[in-house]
């Protein structure tokens, strides 16, 4: 039996594609369970396949699947429906299965209106999907209604079976890294909180279930051996269990995994000991859901954090050389110019170095959606429209398109105009064991101003000055390749070629094999017309596309062929 697991495309373009480009880790878990049971499985990341629509038919014809499972996050449901239609057109016998958070909370709607969909897997689907596959392949005796956790049609009637139990021991799941390569990993399932805009507790349960530290780090090591050195730890609340976090970090260090990673945490879950271990084990960014500077709005969203906790978490996270990123939501119930100003005031107090601003929207599975159904007399038929979600402000007569656009502009501009000052205000803990980490932190932050996101935003002030100061701070802590290169480029752009040569030469004393440092140094020598020295450095990489033209130019200047 040939099985395809597909992560389908979204219908709206994203400014930041990072938000949607990676398939949920649950899709890899389902694939690993199937692989462990001897099935032929491919996972297709089709988040952007709509840009190459011809590939859909070509791939389906080439692979000729018997079953296709779709990972539905609600916002990509139309992508799944449209691919399913194509699959059924090519082969009417193929079985289409929808699963994931979007399908779980809209199972009846999907089966009622879209005949392309044969089954919906409800909730945690690792073994439910396996049981369904065994039934479809007639490898397991029994009735379809005996499979827990599915919905389907029978004789024109929509049926739903008994709810499947949550998996208690996550270590019984096979490690997907044995079969697949990916960067998003998760060490737990569930969230004990109940924010009104989030569907995670309803899908995974409010009881937090953990993988053992050994099981999780083994997954990291397998991926590391495949060449993956950067990870997104996707747990909703990674830092909740302090002792377990420390154990994971210790195991990463003990196994010599030279990795970097991002994590997600609540502001009330971190302390100095945990942050110190996380930084030593490679954590370079933690995202915190702050949501609003208004206590009133945070209460309406049932966030259950206070300003004191927010300020403390951001201060400590930065102190240990970890970038603290703040998620904010605007356009919430009760949003006014005063609450927007409260958010800006909080941003300035916590000196956020990175922010993400979202307009509040809601989906099935959230308390906001349940409230909207009562308040607006909505039915699930609203999702027959070609929309990804419903913006809250569209349902609130006190808010408007113009006001929401103005709110967003004020928030972003207010942040960008101050971020250079936030960077200058960074104070890192004076702990020698962390000096190399501090050098890395400062150079990464500098790069955002000299070459990264902030370098492209007009409202950000003093970009070059801020970057130069951070690069120098980095080198004051520890020799850092990124800092030598970045500082050398800044001096080169200023026309200070002698200073650039001095800085880059110092960097090459630590990394003589660096193509970037050799190239940059060669260019600085070319700018002072010292072609002989320039050629000496450029010729260290004679076959590189980056150096070939410069090598030829130097040889012409020196009268060589």
Protein backbone atom coordinates (compact mmCIF):
# COMPACT_ATOMS: atom_id res chain seq x y z
CA UNK A 1 0.00 0.00 0.00
CA UNK A 2 1.40 3.40 -1.02
CA UNK A 3 0.66 6.27 1.37
CA UNK A 4 1.29 9.98 0.90
CA UNK A 5 1.22 12.39 3.81
CA UNK A 6 0.76 15.94 2.52
CA UNK A 7 1.10 19.33 4.17
CA UNK A 8 -1.01 21.47 1.79
CA UNK A 9 -0.72 25.09 0.76
CA UNK A 10 -2.36 28.16 2.29
CA UNK A 11 -4.49 30.51 0.21
CA UNK A 12 -3.06 33.77 1.58
CA UNK A 13 0.52 34.89 1.01
CA UNK A 14 2.67 35.44 4.10
CA UNK A 15 5.10 38.29 4.71
CA UNK A 16 7.10 35.83 6.80
CA UNK A 17 6.91 32.42 5.17
CA UNK A 18 8.78 30.93 8.14
CA UNK A 19 5.44 30.89 9.97
CA UNK A 20 3.96 28.24 7.67
CA UNK A 21 6.71 26.55 5.67
CA UNK A 22 7.46 23.66 8.03
CA UNK A 23 5.07 20.67 8.32
CA UNK A 24 3.80 19.98 11.85
CA UNK A 25 5.97 17.49 13.71
CA UNK A 26 2.85 15.34 14.16
CA UNK A 27 2.92 14.54 10.44
CA UNK A 28 6.41 13.08 10.82
CA UNK A 29 5.27 11.12 13.86
CA UNK A 30 2.40 9.57 11.87
CA UNK A 31 4.86 8.77 9.08
CA UNK A 32 7.28 7.12 11.51
CA UNK A 33 4.54 4.93 13.01
CA UNK A 34 3.58 3.78 9.51
CA UNK A 35 7.21 3.17 8.54
CA UNK A 36 7.75 1.14 11.70
CA UNK A 37 4.85 -1.04 10.57
CA UNK A 38 6.32 -1.65 7.13
CA UNK A 39 4.31 0.79 5.02
CA UNK A 40 5.62 2.72 2.02
CA UNK A 41 5.23 6.35 3.06
CA UNK A 42 6.31 9.68 1.57
CA UNK A 43 5.86 13.07 3.24
CA UNK A 44 5.32 15.97 0.86
CA UNK A 45 5.78 19.52 2.08
CA UNK A 46 3.45 21.29 -0.33
CA UNK A 47 3.05 24.57 1.53
CA UNK A 48 3.99 26.42 -1.66
CA UNK A 49 2.97 23.93 -4.36
CA UNK A 50 0.29 26.37 -5.62
CA UNK A 51 3.18 28.33 -7.16
CA UNK A 52 3.97 25.23 -9.28
CA UNK A 53 0.50 23.70 -9.79
CA UNK A 54 1.61 21.37 -12.60
CA UNK A 55 3.66 19.42 -10.06
CA UNK A 56 0.53 18.30 -8.21
CA UNK A 57 -0.77 16.15 -11.08
CA UNK A 58 2.70 15.03 -12.10
CA UNK A 59 3.56 13.84 -8.59
CA UNK A 60 0.24 12.10 -7.95
CA UNK A 61 0.45 10.30 -11.30
CA UNK A 62 4.04 9.23 -10.61
CA UNK A 63 3.47 8.01 -7.04
CA UNK A 64 -0.01 6.50 -7.55
CA UNK A 65 -0.99 6.53 -3.83
CA UNK A 66 -3.65 4.27 -2.34
CA UNK A 67 -4.21 6.63 0.60
CA UNK A 68 -3.45 10.33 1.03
CA UNK A 69 -3.40 11.89 4.49
CA UNK A 70 -3.56 15.68 4.81
CA UNK A 71 -2.29 17.71 7.76
CA UNK A 72 -4.89 20.47 8.15
CA UNK A 73 -4.19 23.56 10.26
CA UNK A 74 -7.52 25.11 9.28
CA UNK A 75 -5.90 27.97 7.34
CA UNK A 76 -4.65 25.46 4.76
CA UNK A 77 -7.88 23.50 4.49
CA UNK A 78 -8.69 24.83 1.01
CA UNK A 79 -5.27 23.70 -0.18
CA UNK A 80 -6.06 20.23 1.12
CA UNK A 81 -9.52 20.21 -0.45
CA UNK A 82 -8.23 21.29 -3.85
CA UNK A 83 -5.41 18.74 -3.90
CA UNK A 84 -7.87 16.05 -2.77
CA UNK A 85 -10.17 16.93 -5.69
CA UNK A 86 -7.30 16.54 -8.13
CA UNK A 87 -6.33 13.20 -6.57
CA UNK A 88 -9.90 11.88 -6.84
CA UNK A 89 -10.12 13.08 -10.45
CA UNK A 90 -6.96 11.15 -11.31
CA UNK A 91 -7.93 8.06 -9.29
CA UNK A 92 -11.46 7.82 -7.86
CA UNK A 93 -10.42 4.85 -5.69
CA UNK A 94 -7.79 6.73 -3.69
CA UNK A 95 -8.80 7.22 -0.06
CA UNK A 96 -8.55 10.76 1.31
CA UNK A 97 -7.98 11.28 5.04
CA UNK A 98 -7.93 14.68 6.74
CA UNK A 99 -6.32 15.11 10.15
CA UNK A 100 -4.81 17.79 12.37
CA UNK A 101 -6.25 20.59 14.44
CA UNK A 102 -8.26 22.15 11.61
CA UNK A 103 -9.90 18.88 10.59
CA UNK A 104 -10.56 17.82 14.19
CA UNK A 105 -12.68 20.87 14.98
CA UNK A 106 -14.46 20.98 11.60
CA UNK A 107 -14.89 17.26 10.97
CA UNK A 108 -18.66 17.34 10.46
CA UNK A 109 -18.54 20.39 8.21
CA UNK A 110 -15.82 18.84 6.05
CA UNK A 111 -17.57 15.50 5.62
CA UNK A 112 -20.93 17.17 4.97
CA UNK A 113 -19.77 19.53 2.23
CA UNK A 114 -16.74 17.92 0.60
CA UNK A 115 -17.28 14.45 -0.88
CA UNK A 116 -13.58 14.24 -1.76
CA UNK A 117 -12.87 13.58 1.92
CA UNK A 118 -13.46 9.98 2.98
CA UNK A 119 -12.27 10.03 6.61
CA UNK A 120 -11.27 12.49 9.30
CA UNK A 121 -8.83 11.50 12.04
CA UNK A 122 -9.82 13.29 15.23
CA UNK A 123 -7.21 14.56 17.66
CA UNK A 124 -3.91 12.82 18.26
CA UNK A 125 -3.61 10.64 15.20
CA UNK A 126 -0.40 8.62 15.41
CA UNK A 127 -1.97 5.21 16.02
CA UNK A 128 -5.51 6.09 14.91
CA UNK A 129 -4.23 6.61 11.38
CA UNK A 130 -2.31 3.32 11.55
CA UNK A 131 -5.46 1.45 12.61
CA UNK A 132 -7.39 3.04 9.76
CA UNK A 133 -4.70 2.05 7.25
CA UNK A 134 -4.76 -1.54 8.52
CA UNK A 135 -8.53 -1.60 8.11
CA UNK A 136 -8.39 -0.16 4.58
CA UNK A 137 -5.75 -2.69 3.60
CA UNK A 138 -7.82 -5.49 5.10
CA UNK A 139 -4.89 -6.39 7.31
CA UNK A 140 -6.95 -6.19 10.47
CA UNK A 141 -10.31 -7.80 11.10
CA UNK A 142 -13.09 -5.78 12.64
CA UNK A 143 -15.59 -3.09 11.83
CA UNK A 144 -14.79 0.49 10.87
CA UNK A 145 -16.86 1.71 13.82
CA UNK A 146 -14.48 -0.09 16.19
CA UNK A 147 -11.62 2.25 15.26
CA UNK A 148 -11.53 4.97 17.90
CA UNK A 149 -11.03 8.59 16.93
CA UNK A 150 -12.35 8.80 13.37
CA UNK A 151 -15.32 10.24 11.47
CA UNK A 152 -16.58 9.04 8.09
CA UNK A 153 -19.61 8.61 5.85
CA UNK A 154 -21.60 5.40 5.64
CA UNK A 155 -24.67 5.02 3.46
CA UNK A 156 -24.83 8.78 3.06
CA UNK A 157 -24.80 9.38 6.81
CA UNK A 158 -21.95 10.98 8.75
CA UNK A 159 -20.67 8.83 11.60
CA UNK A 160 -18.23 9.44 14.42
CA UNK A 161 -16.62 6.74 16.54
CA UNK A 162 -15.69 6.75 20.20
CA UNK A 163 -13.01 9.28 21.14
CA UNK A 164 -9.47 7.90 21.21
CA UNK A 165 -7.50 8.23 24.44
CA UNK A 166 -4.45 10.47 24.59
CA UNK A 167 -1.16 8.62 24.37
CA UNK A 168 0.21 8.52 27.91
CA UNK A 169 3.81 7.48 27.25
CA UNK A 170 5.25 9.52 24.39
CA UNK A 171 8.44 7.44 24.47
CA UNK A 172 6.46 4.58 22.90
CA UNK A 173 6.35 6.58 19.68
CA UNK A 174 9.11 5.83 17.17
CA UNK A 175 11.59 8.64 16.60
CA UNK A 176 10.76 10.15 13.19
CA UNK A 177 14.40 11.15 12.63
CA UNK A 178 15.18 7.52 11.85
CA UNK A 179 13.22 7.98 8.62
CA UNK A 180 12.95 11.71 7.91
CA UNK A 181 14.94 14.94 8.18
CA UNK A 182 13.44 18.09 9.73
CA UNK A 183 14.19 20.99 12.09
CA UNK A 184 10.99 21.38 14.12
CA UNK A 185 10.95 19.10 17.15
CA UNK A 186 8.80 18.77 20.24
CA UNK A 187 9.56 17.24 23.62
CA UNK A 188 6.00 17.38 24.99
CA UNK A 189 2.32 17.54 24.12
CA UNK A 190 -0.46 19.48 25.77
CA UNK A 191 -0.85 22.88 27.42
CA UNK A 192 -2.34 23.43 30.89
CA UNK A 193 -3.39 26.98 30.07
CA UNK A 194 -6.55 28.06 28.29
CA UNK A 195 -5.94 31.24 26.27
CA UNK A 196 -9.11 32.20 24.44
CA UNK A 197 -7.41 32.49 21.03
CA UNK A 198 -5.56 29.15 21.10
CA UNK A 199 -6.84 25.73 20.00
CA UNK A 200 -3.88 23.73 21.30
CA UNK A 201 -5.38 22.71 24.68
CA UNK A 202 -8.53 21.45 22.97
CA UNK A 203 -6.51 19.36 20.54
CA UNK A 204 -3.65 17.99 22.68
CA UNK A 205 -5.35 18.23 26.06
CA UNK A 206 -4.60 20.44 29.04
CA UNK A 207 -2.57 17.76 30.77
CA UNK A 208 1.09 18.21 29.82
CA UNK A 209 2.72 14.96 28.67
CA UNK A 210 6.50 14.74 28.38
CA UNK A 211 8.93 12.65 26.42
CA UNK A 212 11.91 11.59 28.49
CA UNK A 213 15.02 13.74 28.13
CA UNK A 214 16.89 10.71 26.76
CA UNK A 215 14.28 10.03 24.07
CA UNK A 216 14.18 13.67 22.97
CA UNK A 217 17.94 14.20 22.87
CA UNK A 218 18.37 10.94 20.96
CA UNK A 219 16.17 12.47 18.26
CA UNK A 220 18.36 15.59 18.21
CA UNK A 221 21.49 13.47 17.92
CA UNK A 222 20.14 11.43 14.99
CA UNK A 223 19.26 14.64 13.14
CA UNK A 224 22.62 16.17 14.08
CA UNK A 225 24.40 13.20 12.55
CA UNK A 226 22.41 13.89 9.37
CA UNK A 227 23.80 17.42 9.30
CA UNK A 228 20.98 19.33 11.02
CA UNK A 229 22.51 21.82 13.46
CA UNK A 230 19.66 24.29 13.98
CA UNK A 231 16.29 23.42 15.56
CA UNK A 232 12.94 24.92 16.50
CA UNK A 233 11.77 23.46 19.82
CA UNK A 234 8.04 23.72 19.18
CA UNK A 235 6.65 22.88 22.64
CA UNK A 236 3.97 25.35 23.72
CA UNK A 237 5.63 25.63 27.13
CA UNK A 238 9.15 24.18 26.85
CA UNK A 239 10.49 25.65 30.11
CA UNK A 240 7.63 24.64 32.41
CA UNK A 241 9.39 21.69 34.08
CA UNK A 242 12.71 23.17 35.19
CA UNK A 243 14.48 19.98 36.19
CA UNK A 244 13.58 18.31 32.92
CA UNK A 245 14.81 21.30 30.88
CA UNK A 246 18.11 21.21 32.74
CA UNK A 247 18.43 17.47 32.10
CA UNK A 248 17.81 17.97 28.37
CA UNK A 249 20.44 20.71 28.26
CA UNK A 250 22.96 18.60 30.17
CA UNK A 251 22.47 15.71 27.76
CA UNK A 252 22.92 17.99 24.74
CA UNK A 253 26.20 19.22 26.21
CA UNK A 254 27.38 15.76 27.30
CA UNK A 255 26.77 14.34 23.80
CA UNK A 256 28.76 17.16 22.24
CA UNK A 257 25.88 18.34 20.05
CA UNK A 258 27.06 21.67 18.65
CA UNK A 259 23.56 22.90 17.89
CA UNK A 260 21.61 26.13 18.12
CA UNK A 261 17.89 26.31 18.75
CA UNK A 262 14.83 28.47 19.34
CA UNK A 263 12.29 27.74 22.05
CA UNK A 264 8.86 28.97 23.18
CA UNK A 265 8.01 29.68 26.81
CA UNK A 266 5.67 31.55 29.08
CA UNK A 267 7.20 34.46 30.93
CA UNK A 268 6.34 32.89 34.28
CA UNK A 269 8.24 29.68 33.51
CA UNK A 270 11.87 30.88 33.34
CA UNK A 271 14.48 31.59 35.99
CA UNK A 272 18.23 32.26 35.98
CA UNK A 273 19.31 28.64 36.40
CA UNK A 274 17.13 27.41 33.54
CA UNK A 275 18.20 30.24 31.23
CA UNK A 276 21.88 29.63 31.99
CA UNK A 277 21.59 25.94 31.07
CA UNK A 278 19.54 26.69 27.97
CA UNK A 279 22.15 29.15 26.71
CA UNK A 280 25.03 26.76 27.34
CA UNK A 281 23.17 24.05 25.43
CA UNK A 282 22.71 26.26 22.36
CA UNK A 283 19.45 28.19 22.85
CA UNK A 284 19.71 31.53 21.04
CA UNK A 285 16.09 32.73 21.08
CA UNK A 286 12.99 32.34 23.25
CA UNK A 287 9.60 33.53 22.04
CA UNK A 288 7.18 34.76 24.69
CA UNK A 289 3.48 35.38 24.15
CA UNK A 290 3.02 38.80 25.73
CA UNK A 291 -0.07 39.60 23.61
CA UNK A 292 -0.71 43.13 24.95
CA UNK A 293 0.61 45.81 27.26
CA UNK A 294 -2.90 46.19 28.64
CA UNK A 295 -3.66 44.10 31.71
CA UNK A 296 -7.35 44.36 30.83
CA UNK A 297 -6.86 42.87 27.34
CA UNK A 298 -4.58 40.11 28.65
CA UNK A 299 -7.33 39.21 31.11
CA UNK A 300 -9.92 39.13 28.32
CA UNK A 301 -7.62 36.76 26.41
CA UNK A 302 -7.24 34.68 29.60
CA UNK A 303 -3.44 35.00 29.36
CA UNK A 304 -2.90 34.97 33.14
CA UNK A 305 0.44 36.78 33.23
CA UNK A 306 1.22 40.17 34.74
CA UNK A 307 3.56 43.00 33.74
CA UNK A 308 6.02 42.21 36.53
CA UNK A 309 6.52 38.67 35.20
CA UNK A 310 6.93 39.97 31.64
CA UNK A 311 9.58 42.50 32.61
CA UNK A 312 11.51 39.98 34.68
CA UNK A 313 11.51 37.32 31.95
CA UNK A 314 12.80 39.71 29.28
CA UNK A 315 15.47 41.14 31.56
CA UNK A 316 16.77 37.71 32.58
CA UNK A 317 16.63 36.24 29.07
CA UNK A 318 18.68 39.07 27.60
CA UNK A 319 21.05 38.96 30.56
CA UNK A 320 22.02 35.41 29.60
CA UNK A 321 22.59 36.25 25.95
CA UNK A 322 19.36 34.80 24.57
CA UNK A 323 17.24 36.90 22.22
CA UNK A 324 13.84 37.45 23.84
CA UNK A 325 11.21 37.73 21.12
CA UNK A 326 7.78 39.13 22.00
CA UNK A 327 4.55 38.07 20.33
CA UNK A 328 1.89 40.77 20.40
CA UNK A 329 -1.76 40.63 19.30
CA UNK A 330 -3.71 43.74 18.43
CA UNK A 331 -7.31 44.31 17.39
CA UNK A 332 -8.55 42.49 20.50
CA UNK A 333 -11.80 43.08 22.40
CA UNK A 334 -11.54 46.51 24.02
CA UNK A 335 -8.58 47.66 21.88
CA UNK A 336 -8.23 51.46 21.83
CA UNK A 337 -5.49 54.00 21.20
CA UNK A 338 -4.89 53.92 24.96
CA UNK A 339 -4.29 50.16 25.02
CA UNK A 340 -2.03 50.43 21.96
CA UNK A 341 0.00 53.03 23.86
CA UNK A 342 0.16 50.68 26.85
CA UNK A 343 1.67 48.04 24.56
CA UNK A 344 4.25 50.51 23.26
CA UNK A 345 5.07 51.57 26.82
CA UNK A 346 5.62 47.93 27.79
CA UNK A 347 7.83 47.31 24.74
CA UNK A 348 10.02 50.22 25.82
CA UNK A 349 10.18 48.96 29.39
CA UNK A 350 11.19 45.41 28.46
CA UNK A 351 13.49 46.71 25.68
CA UNK A 352 12.32 44.05 23.27
CA UNK A 353 14.94 43.19 20.64
CA UNK A 354 12.51 41.32 18.40
CA UNK A 355 8.74 41.54 18.05
CA UNK A 356 6.00 39.91 16.01
CA UNK A 357 2.65 41.70 15.72
CA UNK A 358 -0.48 39.76 14.76
CA UNK A 359 -4.05 40.90 14.22
CA UNK A 360 -6.35 38.83 16.42
CA UNK A 361 -8.23 36.20 14.43
CA UNK A 362 -10.04 33.08 15.53
CA UNK A 363 -10.77 29.55 14.39
CA UNK A 364 -12.87 26.56 15.42
CA UNK A 365 -11.49 24.96 18.57
CA UNK A 366 -10.93 28.26 20.36
CA UNK A 367 -13.04 29.93 23.02
CA UNK A 368 -13.14 33.06 20.88
CA UNK A 369 -14.88 31.08 18.16
CA UNK A 370 -17.39 29.61 20.59
CA UNK A 371 -18.13 33.11 21.85
CA UNK A 372 -18.53 34.43 18.29
CA UNK A 373 -20.99 31.67 17.41
CA UNK A 374 -23.23 32.74 20.27
CA UNK A 375 -22.69 36.46 19.82
CA UNK A 376 -23.15 36.53 16.04
CA UNK A 377 -25.31 33.44 15.54
CA UNK A 378 -22.60 31.91 13.34
CA UNK A 379 -22.63 28.38 11.97
CA UNK A 380 -19.76 26.35 10.60
CA UNK A 381 -21.09 27.11 7.12
CA UNK A 382 -19.05 30.31 7.31
CA UNK A 383 -16.09 28.12 6.37
CA UNK A 384 -17.59 27.41 2.97
CA UNK A 385 -16.21 30.83 2.13
CA UNK A 386 -12.67 30.89 0.79
CA UNK A 387 -11.16 32.35 3.95
CA UNK A 388 -8.41 31.21 6.31
CA UNK A 389 -9.84 32.66 9.50
CA UNK A 390 -12.07 35.39 10.89
CA UNK A 391 -10.53 38.62 12.10
CA UNK A 392 -12.03 39.61 15.42
CA UNK A 393 -12.24 43.28 14.45
CA UNK A 394 -14.58 42.36 11.59
CA UNK A 395 -17.12 41.28 14.22
CA UNK A 396 -16.71 44.31 16.51
CA UNK A 397 -18.53 47.57 15.58
CA UNK A 398 -16.04 49.53 17.71
CA UNK A 399 -13.18 48.57 15.35
CA UNK A 400 -12.63 49.15 11.63
CA UNK A 401 -10.18 48.36 8.84
CA UNK A 402 -8.74 51.86 9.01
CA UNK A 403 -8.30 51.76 12.77
CA UNK A 404 -6.62 48.33 12.69
CA UNK A 405 -4.18 49.46 9.99
CA UNK A 406 -3.37 52.55 12.04
CA UNK A 407 -2.88 50.47 15.21
CA UNK A 408 -0.45 48.17 13.40
CA UNK A 409 1.52 51.05 11.91
CA UNK A 410 1.84 52.78 15.27
CA UNK A 411 3.06 49.60 16.98
CA UNK A 412 5.62 48.70 14.33
CA UNK A 413 6.92 52.22 13.89
CA UNK A 414 7.13 52.75 17.64
CA UNK A 415 9.17 49.57 18.00
CA UNK A 416 11.49 50.17 15.04
CA UNK A 417 12.30 53.71 16.12
CA UNK A 418 13.53 52.45 19.50
CA UNK A 419 15.13 49.08 18.75
CA UNK A 420 18.62 50.56 18.24
CA UNK A 421 18.42 52.02 21.76
CA UNK A 422 17.27 48.66 23.13
CA UNK A 423 20.33 47.02 21.55
CA UNK A 424 22.66 49.63 23.03
CA UNK A 425 21.10 49.00 26.45
CA UNK A 426 21.88 45.26 26.49
CA UNK A 427 23.73 44.20 29.64
CA UNK A 428 25.04 40.64 29.80
CA UNK A 429 25.94 38.69 32.92
CA UNK A 430 29.65 38.81 33.71
CA UNK A 431 30.24 35.07 33.74
CA UNK A 432 33.41 33.87 31.99
CA UNK A 433 31.87 30.52 31.13
CA UNK A 434 29.40 32.41 28.95
CA UNK A 435 31.84 34.82 27.23
CA UNK A 436 31.91 32.83 23.99
CA UNK A 437 28.10 32.71 24.04
CA UNK A 438 27.98 36.46 24.67
CA UNK A 439 30.24 37.07 21.67
CA UNK A 440 27.89 34.98 19.55
CA UNK A 441 24.83 36.84 20.85
CA UNK A 442 26.28 40.30 20.17
CA UNK A 443 27.43 39.39 16.67
CA UNK A 444 24.05 37.85 15.77
CA UNK A 445 22.25 40.95 17.00
CA UNK A 446 24.69 43.16 15.11
CA UNK A 447 24.04 41.22 11.92
CA UNK A 448 20.33 42.08 12.05
CA UNK A 449 21.28 45.76 11.87
CA UNK A 450 24.07 45.48 9.27
CA UNK A 451 22.73 42.76 6.94
CA UNK A 452 19.47 41.34 8.34
CA UNK A 453 15.88 42.44 8.81
CA UNK A 454 16.55 45.78 10.50
CA UNK A 455 19.01 46.85 7.79
CA UNK A 456 16.09 46.96 5.32
CA UNK A 457 13.64 48.96 7.48
CA UNK A 458 13.71 52.73 7.08
CA UNK A 459 12.32 53.48 10.55
CA UNK A 460 15.26 51.76 12.28
CA UNK A 461 17.78 54.40 13.30
CA UNK A 462 21.58 54.27 13.58
CA UNK A 463 21.87 50.87 11.92
CA UNK A 464 25.57 50.99 11.05
CA UNK A 465 26.60 52.60 14.32
CA UNK A 466 24.58 50.08 16.33
CA UNK A 467 26.02 47.16 14.36
CA UNK A 468 29.59 48.39 14.74
CA UNK A 469 29.16 48.80 18.49
CA UNK A 470 27.75 45.29 18.84
CA UNK A 471 30.50 43.74 16.72
CA UNK A 472 33.10 45.42 18.93
CA UNK A 473 31.33 44.21 22.07
CA UNK A 474 31.34 40.72 20.61
CA UNK A 475 35.11 40.76 20.07
CA UNK A 476 35.66 42.13 23.56
CA UNK A 477 34.19 38.89 24.89
CA UNK A 478 35.72 36.29 22.57
CA UNK A 479 37.08 35.88 19.01
CA UNK A 480 34.01 35.55 16.78
CA UNK A 481 34.09 34.90 13.05
CA UNK A 482 30.83 36.75 12.37
CA UNK A 483 32.06 39.82 14.28
CA UNK A 484 35.41 40.03 12.47
CA UNK A 485 33.69 39.71 9.12
CA UNK A 486 30.88 42.15 9.91
CA UNK A 487 33.20 44.78 11.35
CA UNK A 488 35.61 44.38 8.41
CA UNK A 489 32.75 44.93 5.95
CA UNK A 490 31.56 48.04 7.79
CA UNK A 491 35.04 49.54 7.66
CA UNK A 492 35.32 48.60 4.00
CA UNK A 493 32.02 50.34 3.19
CA UNK A 494 33.25 53.46 4.99
CA UNK A 495 36.39 53.48 2.84
CA UNK A 496 38.56 52.78 5.89
CA UNK A 497 40.47 50.06 4.07
CA UNK A 498 43.56 49.97 6.27
CA UNK A 499 41.40 49.45 9.35
CA UNK A 500 39.38 46.82 7.49
CA UNK A 501 42.59 44.98 6.55
CA UNK A 502 43.74 45.04 10.18
CA UNK A 503 40.45 43.62 11.48
CA UNK A 504 40.08 40.95 8.78
CA UNK A 505 43.71 39.85 9.15
CA UNK A 506 43.13 39.35 12.86
CA UNK A 507 40.10 37.23 12.04
CA UNK A 508 42.12 35.14 9.58
CA UNK A 509 44.63 34.35 12.34
CA UNK A 510 41.79 32.37 13.96
CA UNK A 511 40.05 31.11 10.79
CA UNK A 512 42.66 30.90 8.01
CA UNK A 513 40.37 28.67 5.95
CA UNK A 514 37.45 31.11 5.89
CA UNK A 515 36.43 31.95 2.33
CA UNK A 516 34.41 34.96 3.51
CA UNK A 517 37.34 36.51 5.42
CA UNK A 518 39.79 35.82 2.58
CA UNK A 519 37.43 37.34 0.01
CA UNK A 520 36.68 40.41 2.08
CA UNK A 521 40.37 40.96 2.83
CA UNK A 522 41.22 40.55 -0.84
CA UNK A 523 38.65 43.22 -1.75
CA UNK A 524 40.07 45.65 0.81
CA UNK A 525 43.54 45.21 -0.71
CA UNK A 526 42.07 45.73 -4.19
CA UNK A 527 40.54 49.01 -3.04
CA UNK A 528 44.00 50.34 -2.12
CA UNK A 529 45.31 48.90 -5.40
CA UNK A 530 47.57 46.38 -3.66
CA UNK A 531 46.72 43.68 -6.19
CA UNK A 532 49.57 41.39 -5.21
CA UNK A 533 48.33 40.96 -1.64
CA UNK A 534 44.75 40.84 -2.87
CA UNK A 535 45.60 38.00 -5.24
CA UNK A 536 47.37 36.10 -2.46
CA UNK A 537 44.16 35.89 -0.45
CA UNK A 538 41.72 35.47 -3.32
CA UNK A 539 43.79 32.66 -4.82
CA UNK A 540 43.16 30.55 -1.74
CA UNK A 541 39.78 29.83 -3.37
CA UNK A 542 40.51 29.77 -7.12
CA UNK A 543 37.45 27.72 -8.06
CA UNK A 544 34.89 29.72 -6.11
CA UNK A 545 32.33 31.65 -8.20
CA UNK A 546 32.70 34.46 -5.66
CA UNK A 547 36.44 34.97 -6.30
CA UNK A 548 36.97 34.14 -9.99
CA UNK A 549 36.24 37.60 -11.45
CA UNK A 550 38.29 39.33 -8.76
CA UNK A 551 41.23 37.00 -9.36
CA UNK A 552 41.08 37.81 -13.08
CA UNK A 553 40.95 41.53 -12.34
CA UNK A 554 44.00 41.30 -10.07
CA UNK A 555 45.95 39.36 -12.70
CA UNK A 556 45.13 41.93 -15.36
CA UNK A 557 46.28 44.72 -13.07
CA UNK A 558 49.54 42.83 -12.44
CA UNK A 559 50.07 42.15 -16.15
CA UNK A 560 49.50 38.43 -15.79
CA UNK A 561 47.43 36.26 -18.13
